[in-house]
Amino acid sequence: MKLFYKLISQILIASMILLPFSAQAGVIGTDQAVASAQDLANRAKVNDFISRGDVIKKFEALGLNAATAQERVNAMTQEEINRIAGQIDTLPAGAMSNWWIGATVIVIAMLLWWAYMR
């Protein structure tokens, strides 16, 4: 067993002498760290958006399969990804801008209920 410990210690000593100690570290600013995290979040948001079922159906209706769309997103620059991610946030939920139809139905139902209870 002593021979094994002696061999290991010699290998460690030789590696410490022969292998160079080179490590480089740099300080990055908070703005760079936040921008990097935001870029990754935006890319994930766009990837999640194009992998949704309704979006894939719309792509197929337009003649584009999901794999090709994913390749195109991967080829986009970070500026393009950030712009698209910003547009995803500003689009109306459910893509229905005619909210007044639902409100009208609710108001009519309330009036009919009120008239019936009277």
Protein backbone atom coordinates (compact mmCIF):
# COMPACT_ATOMS: atom_id res chain seq x y z
CA MET A 1 0.00 0.00 0.00
CA LYS A 2 2.91 2.32 0.71
CA LEU A 3 4.07 1.81 -2.86
CA PHE A 4 0.69 2.96 -4.16
CA TYR A 5 0.72 6.13 -2.01
CA LYS A 6 4.28 6.86 -3.07
CA LEU A 7 3.35 6.48 -6.77
CA ILE A 8 0.32 8.76 -6.43
CA SER A 9 2.31 11.41 -4.58
CA GLN A 10 5.06 11.34 -7.24
CA ILE A 11 2.49 11.70 -10.02
CA LEU A 12 0.91 14.67 -8.23
CA ILE A 13 4.30 16.34 -7.66
CA ALA A 14 5.28 15.84 -11.30
CA SER A 15 1.98 17.20 -12.56
CA MET A 16 2.27 20.29 -10.35
CA ILE A 17 5.75 20.98 -11.65
CA LEU A 18 5.16 20.22 -15.33
CA LEU A 19 1.67 21.56 -15.89
CA PRO A 20 1.40 25.33 -16.06
CA PHE A 21 -0.81 27.28 -13.68
CA SER A 22 -2.66 29.67 -15.89
CA ALA A 23 -6.03 31.04 -15.00
CA GLN A 24 -7.56 34.23 -16.24
CA ALA A 25 -10.45 36.00 -14.67
CA GLY A 26 -12.12 39.22 -15.58
CA VAL A 27 -14.76 41.38 -14.05
CA ILE A 28 -17.91 41.93 -16.05
CA GLY A 29 -20.36 44.70 -15.44
CA THR A 30 -23.88 44.20 -14.21
CA ASP A 31 -25.28 45.60 -17.44
CA GLN A 32 -23.46 42.91 -19.43
CA ALA A 33 -24.72 40.14 -17.17
CA VAL A 34 -28.31 41.40 -17.27
CA ALA A 35 -28.21 41.86 -21.05
CA SER A 36 -26.92 38.33 -21.50
CA ALA A 37 -29.64 36.89 -19.27
CA GLN A 38 -32.29 38.95 -21.08
CA ASP A 39 -31.02 37.75 -24.45
CA LEU A 40 -31.27 34.13 -23.35
CA ALA A 41 -34.77 34.70 -21.96
CA ASN A 42 -35.90 36.34 -25.21
CA ARG A 43 -34.54 33.46 -27.30
CA ALA A 44 -36.34 30.97 -25.05
CA LYS A 45 -39.56 32.99 -25.32
CA VAL A 46 -39.45 32.96 -29.13
CA ASN A 47 -38.63 29.22 -29.18
CA ASP A 48 -41.55 28.51 -26.84
CA PHE A 49 -43.84 30.63 -29.00
CA ILE A 50 -43.01 28.84 -32.25
CA SER A 51 -43.40 25.43 -30.60
CA ARG A 52 -47.04 26.12 -29.59
CA GLY A 53 -49.64 24.00 -31.34
CA ASP A 54 -51.69 26.85 -32.77
CA VAL A 55 -48.59 28.54 -34.17
CA ILE A 56 -47.42 25.29 -35.79
CA LYS A 57 -50.87 24.89 -37.40
CA LYS A 58 -50.65 28.44 -38.75
CA PHE A 59 -47.16 27.73 -40.13
CA GLU A 60 -48.47 24.62 -41.87
CA ALA A 61 -51.38 26.59 -43.30
CA LEU A 62 -48.85 29.03 -44.73
CA GLY A 63 -46.77 26.16 -46.18
CA LEU A 64 -43.94 26.17 -43.63
CA ASN A 65 -43.15 23.17 -41.47
CA ALA A 66 -42.08 23.48 -37.83
CA ALA A 67 -38.51 22.28 -38.42
CA THR A 68 -37.88 24.96 -41.03
CA ALA A 69 -39.33 27.62 -38.73
CA GLN A 70 -37.05 26.44 -35.92
CA GLU A 71 -34.02 26.62 -38.23
CA ARG A 72 -34.94 30.15 -39.25
CA VAL A 73 -35.28 31.24 -35.62
CA ASN A 74 -31.89 29.71 -34.81
CA ALA A 75 -30.36 31.66 -37.69
CA MET A 76 -31.71 35.01 -36.45
CA THR A 77 -29.48 37.62 -34.89
CA GLN A 78 -30.01 38.61 -31.27
CA GLU A 79 -31.43 41.96 -32.32
CA GLU A 80 -34.12 40.24 -34.40
CA ILE A 81 -34.92 37.86 -31.54
CA ASN A 82 -35.27 40.77 -29.10
CA ARG A 83 -37.60 42.61 -31.48
CA ILE A 84 -39.83 39.55 -31.98
CA ALA A 85 -39.90 38.81 -28.24
CA GLY A 86 -41.06 42.39 -27.65
CA GLN A 87 -43.82 41.94 -30.21
CA ILE A 88 -44.96 38.71 -28.55
CA ASP A 89 -45.45 40.63 -25.31
CA THR A 90 -47.50 43.40 -26.96
CA LEU A 91 -49.86 41.21 -29.00
CA PRO A 92 -53.36 40.71 -27.58
CA ALA A 93 -53.87 37.44 -25.74
CA GLY A 94 -55.78 34.95 -27.84
CA ALA A 95 -55.36 37.21 -30.87
CA MET A 96 -58.92 38.47 -30.53
CA SER A 97 -59.24 42.20 -30.80
CA ASN A 98 -63.05 42.17 -30.97
CA TRP A 99 -63.65 42.01 -27.23
CA TRP A 100 -66.82 43.98 -27.59
CA ILE A 101 -68.66 40.92 -28.98
CA GLY A 102 -68.19 39.08 -25.71
CA ALA A 103 -69.14 42.14 -23.68
CA THR A 104 -72.32 42.59 -25.72
CA VAL A 105 -73.34 38.98 -25.18
CA ILE A 106 -72.82 39.34 -21.43
CA VAL A 107 -74.83 42.58 -21.26
CA ILE A 108 -77.72 41.06 -23.26
CA ALA A 109 -77.71 37.97 -21.03
CA MET A 110 -77.82 40.18 -17.93
CA LEU A 111 -80.73 42.23 -19.35
CA LEU A 112 -82.69 39.07 -20.22
CA TRP A 113 -82.05 37.67 -16.77
CA TRP A 114 -83.15 40.94 -15.16
CA ALA A 115 -86.33 41.04 -17.31
CA TYR A 116 -87.13 37.42 -16.49
CA MET A 117 -86.69 37.92 -12.73
CA ARG A 118 -88.97 40.94 -12.75
